[in-house]
N, C-alpha and C. Protein backbone atom coordinates (compact mmCIF):
# COMPACT_ATOMS: atom_id res chain seq x y z
N MET A 1 96.96 83.26 136.34
CA MET A 1 97.87 84.47 136.89
C MET A 1 99.16 84.39 135.59
N ARG A 2 99.02 85.46 135.34
CA ARG A 2 100.35 86.51 134.34
C ARG A 2 101.46 86.60 134.64
N THR A 3 102.32 86.75 133.99
CA THR A 3 103.69 86.72 133.96
C THR A 3 104.14 87.88 132.97
N TYR A 4 104.70 88.93 133.69
CA TYR A 4 105.45 90.29 132.79
C TYR A 4 106.86 90.17 133.01
N LYS A 5 107.71 90.00 131.67
CA LYS A 5 108.35 89.65 131.53
C LYS A 5 109.57 91.25 131.07
N PRO A 6 110.11 91.87 132.12
CA PRO A 6 110.86 93.45 132.21
C PRO A 6 111.75 93.21 130.89
N ILE A 7 112.31 94.07 130.34
CA ILE A 7 112.64 94.44 129.30
C ILE A 7 114.39 95.13 129.50
N ALA A 8 115.23 95.26 128.96
CA ALA A 8 116.30 95.86 129.30
C ALA A 8 115.83 97.75 129.45
N GLY A 9 116.34 97.89 130.49
CA GLY A 9 116.17 99.35 130.43
C GLY A 9 115.03 99.96 131.24
N ASP A 10 114.14 99.01 131.89
CA ASP A 10 113.00 98.97 132.78
C ASP A 10 113.55 99.23 134.15
N THR A 11 113.05 100.01 134.73
CA THR A 11 113.15 100.43 136.04
C THR A 11 112.16 99.79 137.12
N ILE A 12 112.30 99.70 138.25
CA ILE A 12 111.48 98.49 139.10
C ILE A 12 109.96 99.86 139.06
N THR A 13 110.15 100.65 138.88
CA THR A 13 109.03 101.64 139.14
C THR A 13 108.04 101.48 137.36
N SER A 14 108.73 101.37 136.99
CA SER A 14 108.11 101.08 135.38
C SER A 14 107.59 99.69 134.97
N VAL A 15 108.56 99.07 135.77
CA VAL A 15 107.65 97.32 135.75
C VAL A 15 106.71 97.53 136.61
N ALA A 16 106.57 98.00 138.03
CA ALA A 16 105.44 97.66 138.67
C ALA A 16 104.11 98.75 138.60
N GLU A 17 104.71 99.85 137.33
CA GLU A 17 103.03 100.36 137.18
C GLU A 17 102.86 99.52 135.77
N LYS A 18 103.53 98.72 135.12
CA LYS A 18 103.12 98.12 134.02
C LYS A 18 102.34 97.03 134.44
N MET A 19 102.77 96.14 135.44
CA MET A 19 102.15 95.08 136.46
C MET A 19 100.66 95.44 136.76
N SER A 20 100.77 96.78 137.58
CA SER A 20 99.51 97.30 137.74
C SER A 20 98.60 97.53 137.34
N VAL A 21 98.95 97.90 135.90
CA VAL A 21 97.86 98.31 134.92
C VAL A 21 97.35 96.71 134.24
N ILE A 22 98.43 95.89 134.11
CA ILE A 22 97.89 94.68 133.44
C ILE A 22 96.82 93.70 134.93
N ALA A 23 97.22 93.97 136.27
CA ALA A 23 96.51 93.55 136.90
C ALA A 23 94.97 93.70 136.98
N ASN A 24 94.92 95.16 136.77
CA ASN A 24 93.90 95.76 137.08
C ASN A 24 92.91 95.48 135.89
N GLU A 25 93.78 95.26 134.80
CA GLU A 25 92.60 95.49 133.37
C GLU A 25 92.49 93.91 133.37
N THR A 26 93.11 92.93 133.86
CA THR A 26 92.67 91.68 133.94
C THR A 26 92.12 90.87 135.16
N ASN A 27 91.84 91.92 136.24
CA ASN A 27 91.40 91.49 137.30
C ASN A 27 92.18 90.44 137.89
N GLY A 28 93.50 90.22 137.77
CA GLY A 28 93.81 89.01 138.15
C GLY A 28 95.15 89.19 138.50
N MET A 29 96.21 88.38 139.17
CA MET A 29 97.78 88.18 139.45
C MET A 29 98.36 88.43 138.37
N VAL A 30 99.87 89.21 138.56
CA VAL A 30 100.54 89.24 137.90
C VAL A 30 102.18 89.10 138.46
N THR A 31 103.10 88.17 137.95
CA THR A 31 104.02 88.11 138.49
C THR A 31 105.13 88.88 137.48
N ALA A 32 106.40 88.58 138.18
CA ALA A 32 107.52 89.28 137.56
C ALA A 32 108.89 88.74 138.03
N ASN A 33 109.81 88.79 137.21
CA ASN A 33 111.25 88.42 138.12
C ASN A 33 111.87 89.65 137.70
N PHE A 34 112.71 91.03 138.70
CA PHE A 34 113.23 91.62 138.61
C PHE A 34 114.55 91.68 139.35
N HIS A 35 115.59 91.63 138.20
CA HIS A 35 116.73 91.27 138.89
C HIS A 35 117.05 89.96 139.99
N SER A 36 116.04 89.04 139.72
CA SER A 36 116.17 87.70 140.32
C SER A 36 115.28 87.76 141.22
N ILE A 37 114.36 88.81 141.77
CA ILE A 37 113.66 88.72 142.85
C ILE A 37 112.09 88.78 142.25
N LYS A 38 111.66 87.82 142.91
CA LYS A 38 110.02 87.71 142.20
C LYS A 38 109.05 88.29 142.88
N ILE A 39 108.47 89.32 141.84
CA ILE A 39 107.51 89.97 142.48
C ILE A 39 105.99 90.14 141.99
N THR A 40 104.94 90.26 142.89
CA THR A 40 103.38 90.03 142.53
C THR A 40 102.70 91.12 142.36
N ALA A 41 101.52 91.31 141.51
CA ALA A 41 100.88 92.61 141.59
C ALA A 41 99.26 92.07 141.55
N CYS A 42 98.69 92.71 142.39
CA CYS A 42 97.30 91.96 142.65
C CYS A 42 96.33 93.22 141.99
N PRO A 43 95.20 93.06 141.50
CA PRO A 43 94.36 94.46 141.36
C PRO A 43 94.45 95.05 142.22
N ASP A 44 94.06 96.30 142.20
CA ASP A 44 93.85 97.21 143.21
C ASP A 44 95.10 97.59 144.13
N ILE A 45 96.23 96.85 144.05
CA ILE A 45 97.47 97.30 144.79
C ILE A 45 98.33 98.41 143.73
N SER A 46 98.33 99.27 144.70
CA SER A 46 99.40 100.80 144.25
C SER A 46 100.63 100.15 143.57
N PRO A 47 101.27 100.52 142.55
CA PRO A 47 102.97 100.55 142.03
C PRO A 47 103.30 100.60 143.05
N ILE A 48 103.40 101.58 143.86
CA ILE A 48 104.21 101.73 145.07
C ILE A 48 104.39 101.05 145.87
N ILE A 49 103.31 100.36 146.31
CA ILE A 49 103.59 99.11 147.29
C ILE A 49 104.23 97.67 146.46
N ILE A 50 104.30 97.95 145.50
CA ILE A 50 104.96 96.83 144.48
C ILE A 50 106.51 97.18 144.69
N VAL A 51 106.84 98.26 144.45
CA VAL A 51 108.06 98.76 144.41
C VAL A 51 109.13 98.62 145.91
N GLU A 52 108.12 98.91 147.14
CA GLU A 52 108.28 98.69 148.44
C GLU A 52 108.58 97.13 148.77
N LEU A 53 107.77 96.47 148.48
CA LEU A 53 107.73 94.96 148.23
C LEU A 53 109.19 94.52 147.81
N TYR A 54 109.59 95.15 146.37
CA TYR A 54 110.90 94.51 145.86
C TYR A 54 112.08 95.08 146.57
N TYR A 55 111.96 96.45 147.06
CA TYR A 55 112.98 96.73 148.07
C TYR A 55 113.28 96.20 149.17
N ALA A 56 112.11 95.46 150.14
CA ALA A 56 112.23 94.77 150.78
C ALA A 56 112.59 93.11 150.85
N ARG A 57 112.22 92.76 149.82
CA ARG A 57 112.71 91.54 149.22
C ARG A 57 114.34 91.72 149.09
N LEU A 58 114.68 92.77 148.22
CA LEU A 58 115.98 93.10 147.97
C LEU A 58 117.09 92.92 149.23
N ASP A 59 116.21 93.78 150.30
CA ASP A 59 117.13 93.75 151.21
C ASP A 59 117.61 92.50 152.04
N GLU A 60 116.23 91.67 151.98
CA GLU A 60 116.53 90.32 152.83
C GLU A 60 117.51 89.57 152.22
N GLU A 61 117.58 89.48 150.32
CA GLU A 61 117.84 88.77 149.89
C GLU A 61 119.87 89.25 149.95
N ARG A 62 119.82 90.49 150.25
CA ARG A 62 121.29 90.93 150.97
C ARG A 62 121.71 90.08 152.32
N CYS A 63 120.88 90.56 153.02
CA CYS A 63 121.19 89.93 154.23
C CYS A 63 121.67 88.27 153.89
N THR A 64 120.69 87.49 153.32
CA THR A 64 120.99 86.25 153.45
C THR A 64 121.94 86.04 152.44
N ARG A 65 122.70 86.50 151.84
CA ARG A 65 124.02 86.97 151.21
C ARG A 65 124.94 86.79 152.27
N SER A 66 124.87 87.68 152.87
CA SER A 66 126.25 88.38 154.06
C SER A 66 126.19 87.13 154.93
N LEU A 67 125.01 86.69 155.32
CA LEU A 67 124.57 85.86 156.20
C LEU A 67 125.95 84.28 155.77
N THR A 68 125.58 84.05 154.57
CA THR A 68 126.25 82.75 154.18
C THR A 68 127.95 83.33 153.92
N ARG A 69 128.04 84.40 153.25
CA ARG A 69 129.84 84.54 153.50
C ARG A 69 130.30 84.27 154.65
N VAL A 70 129.19 84.85 155.88
CA VAL A 70 130.31 85.04 157.72
C VAL A 70 130.38 83.71 157.89
N ASN A 71 129.39 82.77 157.25
CA ASN A 71 129.15 81.23 157.77
C ASN A 71 129.76 80.34 156.94
N SER A 72 130.56 80.92 156.13
CA SER A 72 131.34 80.06 155.19
C SER A 72 132.71 79.98 155.80
């Protein structure tokens, strides 16, 4: 498994596209942390799916933080 390290100025879309290319070129999984959210790309998975999964995890993280504040 490879790790992609986003750089300043990267968007989730550009990261997903780069990860998808690496996954397809190496025929393996690629992980990255984007704004503290771990994402994974596999060969033949569209960058659009990676972006959608990122936003789903981001929403989950926001809900978890909101519940933590409410329950504190």
